[in-house]
Amino acid sequence: MSKKAFSLRRQLLQWLLVPLLALFAGSSAVSYYVAIRFADLAHDYELYDIALSMWQQVRVVEGRAVIELPQAALQILEFDSRDKVYVRLSTADGRFISGSHELPDPPAPARGAVSYYDATIHGEPVRVALLRERLPDSDIEVAVQAAETRVKRDLFAKDILLAVLIPQLLIIVVAGALVWLGVSRGLMPLQQITDAVGGRSYRDLSSIPERDVPEEVRPLTRAINGLLAHLGDAFDSQRRFIADAAHQLRTPLAGLAAWVDRALRAPDMETVKPALRQLEISSHRATRLVNQLLALARAEPSAKPQLDFAMIDLSLLARRVCRDWVPQALAQHVDLGYSGPDSGVLVRGHDLLLDEMLSNLVDNAINYGGSGGSITVRLTRGPSPALSVEDEGPGIPVGERALVIERFYRIAGTPGTGCGLGLAIGQEIARAHGATLEITQPETGRGTLVSIRFPAIVGST
């Protein structure tokens, strides 16, 4: 199953609207409680007045409490157009004096206090006011109960609740609309950036204007502009690389074509042999250049060479490369040697790329180190292993050392047939392995020392 796409608009609306709805729900609950409370307070006073009026009519006759209230007056106290009203008068010991037998016996609150409680009569909820008080000039204590059903109270509470909730609901709706509008307006700069970038040609890598961009969005536009600038540099570098590669390939290919034409015009085999030798030289040069270009492509970060990394013994690799290049060194009257452990210097890397890197450094040293000199491939153990190639040539001026690792860059007046890719390849492959390439001068003060220091060693024996 695909994961649901993340929406910033939906996220903002949830963070803003959900608390509003929760606030409305909480406010509704509080409003309901307040409405019920005020409805009870308003009508509890009426019940208290009924109970007090009834208590005021009680007299002591021959040591007994009697009520001097005609039946018609009692019916008036119990009359209500919406609710059923019940009244009851009894003594402290529960002896019924007057009123409704349907009211249950009262609880026992403190004397002289009026209390209110809920009860049921025939399964219908009622609100009861209870007044317990001693009659004047006597020791007789009576309890007066006045009760009514909750019809008026519920209607009153409903009116209060509607009067409070309707304005609150309107406020929530208006606030929600304003939140929606505010989120939409707030996200508009992002949409404008999207439109500005989406409507561009792939060739247009100019920066996004920041004049009308909000301060909170500017880090994003600056990051995009930085990426566009890097892409522009990468495209320029790619165009230069293609142009330089085409230029470098054109020379050996033109030579191949010229020597083929000469060979075709030769009258006999002896005349053809010099042309064939030149064809061999030009083909080797073209092949070498193509292999170097392929090595550069494999070492590019986009190629992700790290996916094929494995444990490599640098000592075995260095000895193998030196052995492979001995014939070429001898042909140039150069003494090529290896100095370092025979085995056990382990790093995590790509065998073919590391071989290509060291081969290019040795090739450079042979071509530019001068005939009759010596080249030393040196390997030292960790914790960070270091691999270096030292020659006794004219060396590289300090001001040129940062430039010679550029692709196709050659120092003016340099002899040889190289195309300026050897050190660039070494730099790219070193970076792919997390290593650093450094160009210095040997302690002897003559020649060039190219050192590659790898990250912390993984293991050694």
Protein backbone atom coordinates (compact mmCIF):
# COMPACT_ATOMS: atom_id res chain seq x y z
CA MET A 1 0.00 0.00 0.00
CA SER A 2 1.26 3.47 -0.86
CA LYS A 3 1.73 5.91 1.98
CA LYS A 4 -0.71 8.81 2.04
CA ALA A 5 0.88 11.99 0.75
CA PHE A 6 1.71 14.59 3.37
CA SER A 7 -0.20 17.86 2.96
CA LEU A 8 1.06 21.00 4.70
CA ARG A 9 -2.33 22.66 4.20
CA ARG A 10 -4.15 19.74 5.83
CA GLN A 11 -1.63 19.64 8.66
CA LEU A 12 -2.02 23.36 9.39
CA LEU A 13 -5.81 23.17 9.23
CA GLN A 14 -5.81 20.22 11.62
CA TRP A 15 -3.56 22.05 14.09
CA LEU A 16 -5.77 25.15 13.94
CA LEU A 17 -9.32 23.84 13.45
CA VAL A 18 -9.19 20.80 15.74
CA PRO A 19 -8.35 22.95 18.81
CA LEU A 20 -11.19 25.31 17.84
CA LEU A 21 -13.65 22.39 17.68
CA ALA A 22 -12.30 21.00 20.95
CA LEU A 23 -12.70 24.44 22.51
CA PHE A 24 -16.27 24.61 21.25
CA ALA A 25 -17.01 21.14 22.66
CA GLY A 26 -15.55 22.10 26.04
CA SER A 27 -17.40 25.40 26.00
CA SER A 28 -20.65 23.58 25.19
CA ALA A 29 -20.17 21.25 28.15
CA VAL A 30 -19.46 24.17 30.50
CA SER A 31 -22.40 26.14 29.06
CA TYR A 32 -24.70 23.16 29.62
CA TYR A 33 -23.59 22.87 33.24
CA VAL A 34 -24.01 26.63 33.77
CA ALA A 35 -27.47 26.59 32.12
CA ILE A 36 -28.66 23.75 34.37
CA ARG A 37 -27.17 25.46 37.40
CA PHE A 38 -28.85 28.80 36.71
CA ALA A 39 -32.17 27.13 35.90
CA ASP A 40 -32.04 25.30 39.24
CA LEU A 41 -31.09 28.46 41.14
CA ALA A 42 -33.93 30.48 39.62
CA HIS A 43 -36.61 27.89 40.33
CA ASP A 44 -35.16 26.77 43.66
CA TYR A 45 -36.03 30.19 45.02
CA GLU A 46 -39.65 29.65 43.98
CA LEU A 47 -39.73 26.29 45.79
CA TYR A 48 -38.20 27.91 48.85
CA ASP A 49 -40.92 30.59 48.82
CA ILE A 50 -43.59 27.88 48.67
CA ALA A 51 -41.99 25.96 51.57
CA LEU A 52 -41.56 29.15 53.62
CA SER A 53 -45.17 30.23 52.99
CA MET A 54 -46.40 26.84 54.13
CA TRP A 55 -44.20 26.88 57.25
CA GLN A 56 -45.52 30.32 58.19
CA GLN A 57 -49.04 28.93 58.35
CA VAL A 58 -48.20 26.24 60.88
CA ARG A 59 -49.47 26.76 64.46
CA VAL A 60 -49.26 24.85 67.74
CA VAL A 61 -52.67 23.78 68.99
CA GLU A 62 -52.90 21.73 72.18
CA GLY A 63 -49.27 20.70 71.84
CA ARG A 64 -49.63 19.60 68.26
CA ALA A 65 -48.54 21.25 65.02
CA VAL A 66 -51.44 22.04 62.71
CA ILE A 67 -51.58 24.13 59.55
CA GLU A 68 -54.10 26.89 59.26
CA LEU A 69 -54.35 26.72 55.49
CA PRO A 70 -57.62 26.01 53.68
CA GLN A 71 -57.61 23.26 51.09
CA ALA A 72 -58.20 25.84 48.36
CA ALA A 73 -55.09 27.74 49.40
CA LEU A 74 -53.11 24.50 49.42
CA GLN A 75 -54.30 23.81 45.87
CA ILE A 76 -53.14 27.28 44.86
CA LEU A 77 -49.64 26.52 46.22
CA GLU A 78 -49.59 23.31 44.20
CA PHE A 79 -50.86 24.90 40.99
CA ASP A 80 -48.47 25.34 38.03
CA SER A 81 -49.31 25.54 34.34
CA ARG A 82 -46.35 23.34 33.22
CA ASP A 83 -45.00 21.41 36.18
CA LYS A 84 -46.55 19.23 38.82
CA VAL A 85 -46.05 20.71 42.29
CA TYR A 86 -46.12 18.72 45.50
CA VAL A 87 -46.05 20.02 49.07
CA ARG A 88 -45.87 18.10 52.34
CA LEU A 89 -45.76 19.06 55.98
CA SER A 90 -44.54 16.55 58.58
CA THR A 91 -43.05 16.50 62.05
CA ALA A 92 -39.43 15.80 62.83
CA ASP A 93 -40.27 12.17 63.68
CA GLY A 94 -41.91 11.73 60.23
CA ARG A 95 -45.60 12.04 61.28
CA PHE A 96 -47.57 13.33 58.30
CA ILE A 97 -49.50 16.56 58.95
CA SER A 98 -50.69 17.83 55.60
CA GLY A 99 -50.02 17.90 51.85
CA SER A 100 -49.16 15.13 49.41
CA HIS A 101 -48.51 11.57 50.53
CA GLU A 102 -46.58 10.96 47.30
CA LEU A 103 -43.52 12.82 48.49
CA PRO A 104 -41.01 10.46 50.13
CA ASP A 105 -39.74 11.05 53.65
CA PRO A 106 -37.17 13.85 53.76
CA PRO A 107 -33.48 13.47 54.64
CA ALA A 108 -32.19 15.06 57.85
CA PRO A 109 -30.27 18.29 57.18
CA ALA A 110 -29.25 20.70 59.91
CA ARG A 111 -32.06 22.57 61.61
CA GLY A 112 -32.86 26.00 60.21
CA ALA A 113 -31.18 25.25 56.88
CA VAL A 114 -32.92 24.99 53.57
CA SER A 115 -31.61 22.28 51.28
CA TYR A 116 -32.33 21.12 47.78
CA TYR A 117 -32.13 17.63 46.35
CA ASP A 118 -33.40 15.54 43.47
CA ALA A 119 -35.91 12.75 43.85
CA THR A 120 -38.46 10.82 41.81
CA ILE A 121 -42.23 10.54 42.08
CA HIS A 122 -43.89 7.79 40.02
CA GLY A 123 -40.64 7.49 38.05
CA GLU A 124 -40.60 11.17 37.13
CA PRO A 125 -37.64 13.32 38.26
CA VAL A 126 -38.49 16.18 40.63
CA ARG A 127 -36.59 18.94 42.39
CA VAL A 128 -37.27 19.22 46.14
CA ALA A 129 -36.75 22.12 48.56
CA LEU A 130 -36.67 21.04 52.22
CA LEU A 131 -37.05 23.44 55.17
CA ARG A 132 -36.67 22.07 58.72
CA GLU A 133 -37.40 24.59 61.41
CA ARG A 134 -38.73 24.72 65.02
CA LEU A 135 -42.04 26.48 65.41
CA PRO A 136 -41.99 29.77 67.37
CA ASP A 137 -42.44 29.48 71.15
CA SER A 138 -42.38 25.65 71.07
CA ASP A 139 -40.09 22.67 70.92
CA ILE A 140 -41.90 21.21 67.95
CA GLU A 141 -39.81 20.88 64.82
CA VAL A 142 -41.50 20.50 61.45
CA ALA A 143 -40.22 19.67 57.97
CA VAL A 144 -41.72 21.36 54.93
CA GLN A 145 -41.11 19.88 51.48
CA ALA A 146 -41.94 21.62 48.23
CA ALA A 147 -41.24 19.71 44.99
CA GLU A 148 -41.89 20.20 41.29
CA THR A 149 -41.09 18.39 38.08
CA ARG A 150 -38.32 19.69 35.81
CA VAL A 151 -40.24 20.86 32.73
CA LYS A 152 -39.73 24.61 33.26
CA ARG A 153 -36.16 24.08 34.39
CA ASP A 154 -35.25 22.07 31.30
CA LEU A 155 -36.89 24.63 29.00
CA PHE A 156 -35.12 27.46 30.79
CA ALA A 157 -31.77 25.64 30.59
CA LYS A 158 -32.36 24.97 26.90
CA ASP A 159 -33.06 28.65 26.25
CA ILE A 160 -29.90 29.66 28.10
CA LEU A 161 -27.87 27.02 26.27
CA LEU A 162 -29.13 28.11 22.84
CA ALA A 163 -28.56 31.75 23.67
CA VAL A 164 -24.93 30.94 24.53
CA LEU A 165 -24.09 28.26 21.96
CA ILE A 166 -25.53 29.86 18.82
CA PRO A 167 -23.21 32.90 19.04
CA GLN A 168 -20.31 30.60 19.93
CA LEU A 169 -21.06 28.39 16.94
CA LEU A 170 -21.19 31.41 14.65
CA ILE A 171 -17.86 32.59 16.06
CA ILE A 172 -16.34 29.13 15.45
CA VAL A 173 -17.64 29.07 11.86
CA VAL A 174 -16.29 32.56 11.17
CA ALA A 175 -12.98 31.68 12.86
CA GLY A 176 -12.76 28.47 10.79
CA ALA A 177 -13.35 30.43 7.59
CA LEU A 178 -10.70 32.96 8.61
CA VAL A 179 -8.27 30.13 9.43
CA TRP A 180 -8.91 28.53 6.04
CA LEU A 181 -8.41 31.86 4.30
CA GLY A 182 -5.30 32.62 6.36
CA VAL A 183 -3.74 29.21 5.62
CA SER A 184 -4.52 29.57 1.92
CA ARG A 185 -3.04 33.08 1.81
CA GLY A 186 -0.05 31.98 3.90
CA LEU A 187 0.73 29.09 1.54
CA MET A 188 0.32 31.22 -1.56
CA PRO A 189 4.06 32.12 -1.71
CA LEU A 190 4.87 28.40 -1.85
CA GLN A 191 2.44 28.00 -4.74
CA GLN A 192 3.99 31.00 -6.47
CA ILE A 193 7.45 29.44 -6.08
CA THR A 194 6.07 26.16 -7.41
CA ASP A 195 4.59 27.92 -10.43
CA ALA A 196 7.78 29.91 -11.00
CA VAL A 197 9.99 26.82 -10.92
CA GLY A 198 7.53 24.47 -12.64
CA GLY A 199 7.01 26.81 -15.57
CA ARG A 200 10.70 27.12 -16.36
CA SER A 201 12.66 25.48 -19.11
CA TYR A 202 15.22 22.91 -17.97
CA ARG A 203 17.85 25.27 -19.32
CA ASP A 204 16.76 28.13 -17.02
CA LEU A 205 18.78 27.80 -13.80
CA SER A 206 18.54 31.44 -12.75
CA SER A 207 17.83 32.25 -9.09
CA ILE A 208 14.31 32.66 -7.73
CA PRO A 209 13.70 36.34 -6.88
CA GLU A 210 13.37 36.92 -3.12
CA ARG A 211 11.88 40.40 -3.29
CA ASP A 212 8.28 39.40 -2.44
CA VAL A 213 9.09 36.19 -0.58
CA PRO A 214 8.10 36.09 3.15
CA GLU A 215 10.91 35.83 5.66
CA GLU A 216 9.81 32.31 6.73
CA VAL A 217 9.99 31.02 3.13
CA ARG A 218 13.33 32.62 2.29
CA PRO A 219 15.43 29.76 3.73
CA LEU A 220 13.63 27.48 1.26
CA THR A 221 14.18 29.81 -1.70
CA ARG A 222 17.83 30.29 -0.71
CA ALA A 223 18.28 26.52 -0.54
CA ILE A 224 16.65 26.14 -3.96
CA ASN A 225 18.79 28.96 -5.35
CA GLY A 226 21.88 27.28 -3.91
CA LEU A 227 20.86 24.01 -5.55
CA LEU A 228 20.24 25.81 -8.86
CA ALA A 229 23.67 27.41 -8.61
CA HIS A 230 25.28 24.00 -7.98
CA LEU A 231 23.33 22.53 -10.89
CA GLY A 232 24.48 25.39 -13.09
CA ASP A 233 28.07 24.76 -12.09
CA ALA A 234 27.59 21.03 -12.70
CA PHE A 235 26.09 21.65 -16.15
CA ASP A 236 28.88 24.06 -17.02
CA SER A 237 31.42 21.52 -15.84
CA GLN A 238 29.67 18.82 -17.87
CA ARG A 239 29.66 21.00 -20.99
CA ARG A 240 33.34 21.78 -20.52
CA PHE A 241 34.07 18.13 -19.90
CA ILE A 242 32.26 17.06 -23.09
CA ALA A 243 33.95 19.79 -25.11
CA ASP A 244 37.39 18.91 -23.70
CA ALA A 245 36.79 15.18 -24.18
CA ALA A 246 35.70 15.77 -27.77
CA HIS A 247 38.78 17.91 -28.34
CA GLN A 248 41.10 15.32 -26.80
CA LEU A 249 39.51 12.46 -28.73
CA ARG A 250 39.61 14.40 -31.99
CA THR A 251 43.42 14.51 -32.00
CA PRO A 252 44.08 10.72 -31.86
CA LEU A 253 41.13 10.01 -34.12
CA ALA A 254 42.39 12.54 -36.68
CA GLY A 255 45.81 10.93 -36.43
CA LEU A 256 44.27 7.52 -36.97
CA ALA A 257 42.48 8.75 -40.07
CA ALA A 258 45.65 10.39 -41.45
CA TRP A 259 47.84 7.33 -40.92
CA VAL A 260 45.18 5.04 -42.38
CA ASP A 261 45.09 7.24 -45.47
CA ARG A 262 48.90 7.14 -45.67
CA ALA A 263 48.92 3.37 -45.28
CA LEU A 264 46.39 3.02 -48.07
CA ARG A 265 48.60 5.09 -50.37
CA ALA A 266 51.78 3.15 -49.56
CA PRO A 267 53.16 1.22 -52.59
CA ASP A 268 54.58 -1.71 -50.60
CA MET A 269 54.61 -3.32 -47.13
CA GLU A 270 57.87 -1.73 -46.04
CA THR A 271 56.38 1.71 -46.59
CA VAL A 272 53.21 0.73 -44.68
CA LYS A 273 55.05 -0.34 -41.48
CA PRO A 274 55.79 3.22 -40.17
CA ALA A 275 52.14 4.14 -40.69
CA LEU A 276 51.05 1.01 -38.83
CA ARG A 277 53.31 1.90 -35.89
CA GLN A 278 51.77 5.35 -35.70
CA LEU A 279 48.32 3.78 -35.97
CA GLU A 280 49.20 1.59 -33.01
CA ILE A 281 50.39 4.60 -30.97
CA SER A 282 47.28 6.65 -31.81
CA SER A 283 44.93 3.75 -31.07
CA HIS A 284 46.63 3.13 -27.71
CA ARG A 285 46.30 6.83 -26.88
CA ALA A 286 42.61 6.87 -27.83
CA THR A 287 41.99 3.68 -25.87
CA ARG A 288 43.79 5.12 -22.84
CA LEU A 289 41.72 8.29 -23.03
CA VAL A 290 38.44 6.37 -23.33
CA ASN A 291 39.39 4.18 -20.35
CA GLN A 292 40.19 7.27 -18.30
CA LEU A 293 36.84 8.85 -19.20
CA LEU A 294 35.07 5.63 -18.17
CA ALA A 295 37.00 5.63 -14.87
CA LEU A 296 35.89 9.20 -14.22
CA ALA A 297 32.28 8.24 -14.94
CA ARG A 298 32.47 5.28 -12.54
CA ALA A 299 33.93 7.47 -9.80
CA GLU A 300 31.24 10.17 -10.09
CA PRO A 301 29.02 10.46 -6.95
CA SER A 302 25.91 9.82 -9.08
CA ALA A 303 27.33 6.40 -10.05
CA LYS A 304 27.36 5.37 -6.34
CA PRO A 305 30.50 3.17 -6.47
CA GLN A 306 30.15 2.64 -2.71
CA LEU A 307 27.45 0.04 -3.47
CA ASP A 308 30.19 -2.32 -4.72
CA PHE A 309 32.72 -1.67 -1.95
CA ALA A 310 34.43 -4.63 -0.31
CA MET A 311 37.46 -5.27 1.88
CA ILE A 312 40.60 -4.56 -0.20
CA ASP A 313 44.19 -5.28 0.76
CA LEU A 314 46.06 -2.17 -0.40
CA SER A 315 49.44 -3.88 -0.14
CA LEU A 316 48.45 -6.61 -2.60
CA LEU A 317 46.86 -4.06 -4.93
CA ALA A 318 49.91 -1.76 -4.88
CA ARG A 319 52.32 -4.63 -5.61
CA ARG A 320 50.11 -5.84 -8.46
CA VAL A 321 49.94 -2.37 -10.06
CA CYS A 322 53.72 -1.93 -9.76
CA ARG A 323 54.27 -5.32 -11.40
CA ASP A 324 51.92 -4.41 -14.28
CA TRP A 325 53.73 -1.11 -14.94
CA VAL A 326 57.31 -2.40 -14.74
CA PRO A 327 57.57 -2.99 -18.53
CA GLN A 328 56.40 0.54 -19.27
CA ALA A 329 58.84 1.95 -16.71
CA LEU A 330 61.73 -0.03 -18.14
CA ALA A 331 60.87 1.22 -21.61
CA GLN A 332 61.27 4.77 -20.27
CA HIS A 333 64.48 3.83 -18.38
CA VAL A 334 62.74 4.46 -15.04
CA ASP A 335 63.31 2.42 -11.88
CA LEU A 336 59.82 1.57 -10.43
CA GLY A 337 59.76 0.09 -6.96
CA TYR A 338 57.39 -0.66 -4.05
CA SER A 339 57.99 0.07 -0.37
CA GLY A 340 55.59 -1.16 2.28
CA PRO A 341 53.99 -4.20 3.93
CA ASP A 342 53.51 -7.37 1.89
CA SER A 343 49.91 -7.77 3.12
CA GLY A 344 47.40 -6.84 5.78
CA VAL A 345 46.64 -3.18 5.03
CA LEU A 346 42.86 -3.35 4.66
CA VAL A 347 40.45 -0.66 3.52
CA ARG A 348 36.89 -0.75 2.30
CA GLY A 349 36.80 0.12 -1.39
CA HIS A 350 36.31 -0.73 -5.06
CA ASP A 351 39.15 -2.86 -6.45
CA LEU A 352 38.93 -1.69 -10.09
CA LEU A 353 38.69 2.00 -9.14
CA LEU A 354 41.62 1.81 -6.73
CA ASP A 355 43.63 -0.01 -9.39
CA GLU A 356 42.75 2.72 -11.91
CA MET A 357 43.66 5.46 -9.43
CA LEU A 358 47.11 4.07 -8.65
CA SER A 359 47.72 3.21 -12.32
CA ASN A 360 47.05 6.81 -13.33
CA LEU A 361 49.42 8.12 -10.68
CA VAL A 362 52.17 5.73 -11.77
CA ASP A 363 51.50 6.57 -15.43
CA ASN A 364 51.82 10.30 -14.63
CA ALA A 365 55.06 9.71 -12.77
CA ILE A 366 56.51 7.70 -15.68
CA ASN A 367 55.47 10.26 -18.31
CA TYR A 368 56.48 13.40 -16.42
CA GLY A 369 59.15 12.15 -14.00
CA GLY A 370 61.84 12.13 -16.61
CA SER A 371 63.94 9.32 -18.09
CA GLY A 372 66.60 7.75 -15.93
CA GLY A 373 64.93 8.56 -12.60
CA SER A 374 63.17 6.41 -10.05
CA ILE A 375 59.56 6.08 -8.86
CA THR A 376 58.58 4.72 -5.47
CA VAL A 377 55.10 3.49 -4.59
CA ARG A 378 54.97 3.62 -0.81
CA LEU A 379 52.29 2.25 1.55
CA THR A 380 52.14 2.88 5.30
CA ARG A 381 49.83 1.33 7.86
CA GLY A 382 47.06 3.13 9.82
CA PRO A 383 45.16 3.90 11.81
CA SER A 384 44.68 5.82 8.53
CA PRO A 385 46.61 4.02 5.76
CA ALA A 386 48.49 6.25 3.30
CA LEU A 387 49.38 5.38 -0.28
CA SER A 388 51.84 7.60 -2.14
CA VAL A 389 53.70 7.83 -5.46
CA GLU A 390 57.02 9.69 -5.46
CA ASP A 391 59.09 10.59 -8.53
CA GLU A 392 62.29 12.55 -9.22
CA GLY A 393 60.93 14.74 -12.01
CA PRO A 394 60.80 18.54 -12.27
CA GLY A 395 57.95 18.73 -9.77
CA ILE A 396 54.76 20.79 -9.79
CA PRO A 397 54.91 24.49 -8.80
CA VAL A 398 52.95 25.35 -5.66
CA GLY A 399 50.65 27.68 -7.59
CA GLU A 400 49.75 24.90 -10.03
CA ARG A 401 49.01 22.13 -7.52
CA ALA A 402 45.36 23.08 -7.08
CA LEU A 403 44.89 23.29 -10.84
CA VAL A 404 46.48 20.04 -11.99
CA ILE A 405 43.65 18.04 -10.44
CA GLU A 406 41.20 19.83 -12.76
CA ARG A 407 40.08 17.74 -15.70
CA PHE A 408 42.15 18.21 -18.88
CA TYR A 409 44.41 20.78 -17.23
CA ARG A 410 48.08 20.57 -18.21
CA ILE A 411 50.92 22.82 -17.14
CA ALA A 412 52.13 24.90 -20.08
CA GLY A 413 55.23 23.46 -21.70
CA THR A 414 54.83 20.04 -20.13
CA PRO A 415 56.26 17.26 -22.32
CA GLY A 416 54.49 13.98 -23.01
CA THR A 417 51.23 12.89 -24.59
CA GLY A 418 48.98 12.98 -21.55
CA CYS A 419 45.59 14.68 -21.66
CA GLY A 420 45.40 16.00 -18.09
CA LEU A 421 43.09 13.36 -16.58
CA GLY A 422 45.40 11.28 -14.39
CA LEU A 423 45.30 13.44 -11.24
CA ALA A 424 41.62 14.32 -11.80
CA ILE A 425 40.80 10.62 -11.82
CA GLY A 426 42.86 10.12 -8.67
CA GLN A 427 41.00 12.95 -6.95
CA GLU A 428 37.53 11.63 -7.88
CA ILE A 429 38.32 8.05 -6.84
CA ALA A 430 39.87 9.23 -3.57
CA ARG A 431 36.75 11.26 -2.79
CA ALA A 432 34.53 8.26 -3.55
CA HIS A 433 36.47 6.34 -0.89
CA GLY A 434 36.38 9.14 1.67
CA ALA A 435 40.13 9.66 1.20
CA THR A 436 42.11 12.84 0.59
CA LEU A 437 44.63 13.47 -2.20
CA GLU A 438 47.53 15.83 -1.51
CA ILE A 439 50.33 17.01 -3.82
CA THR A 440 53.60 18.02 -2.15
CA GLN A 441 57.34 17.87 -2.76
CA PRO A 442 59.48 15.00 -1.41
CA GLU A 443 61.91 15.65 1.43
CA THR A 444 64.75 15.48 -1.11
CA GLY A 445 63.48 18.79 -2.56
CA ARG A 446 63.14 17.37 -6.04
CA GLY A 447 60.24 15.74 -7.83
CA THR A 448 56.57 15.26 -6.92
CA LEU A 449 54.91 13.37 -4.06
CA VAL A 450 51.20 12.48 -4.49
CA SER A 451 49.75 11.09 -1.25
CA ILE A 452 46.33 9.55 -0.67
CA ARG A 453 45.27 9.12 2.95
CA PHE A 454 42.34 6.79 3.58
CA PRO A 455 39.87 7.03 6.47
CA ALA A 456 40.37 5.04 9.65
CA ILE A 457 41.44 1.49 8.92
CA VAL A 458 38.76 -1.17 9.17
CA GLY A 459 41.08 -4.00 10.07
CA SER A 460 44.63 -5.19 9.68
CA THR A 461 46.74 -8.22 10.33
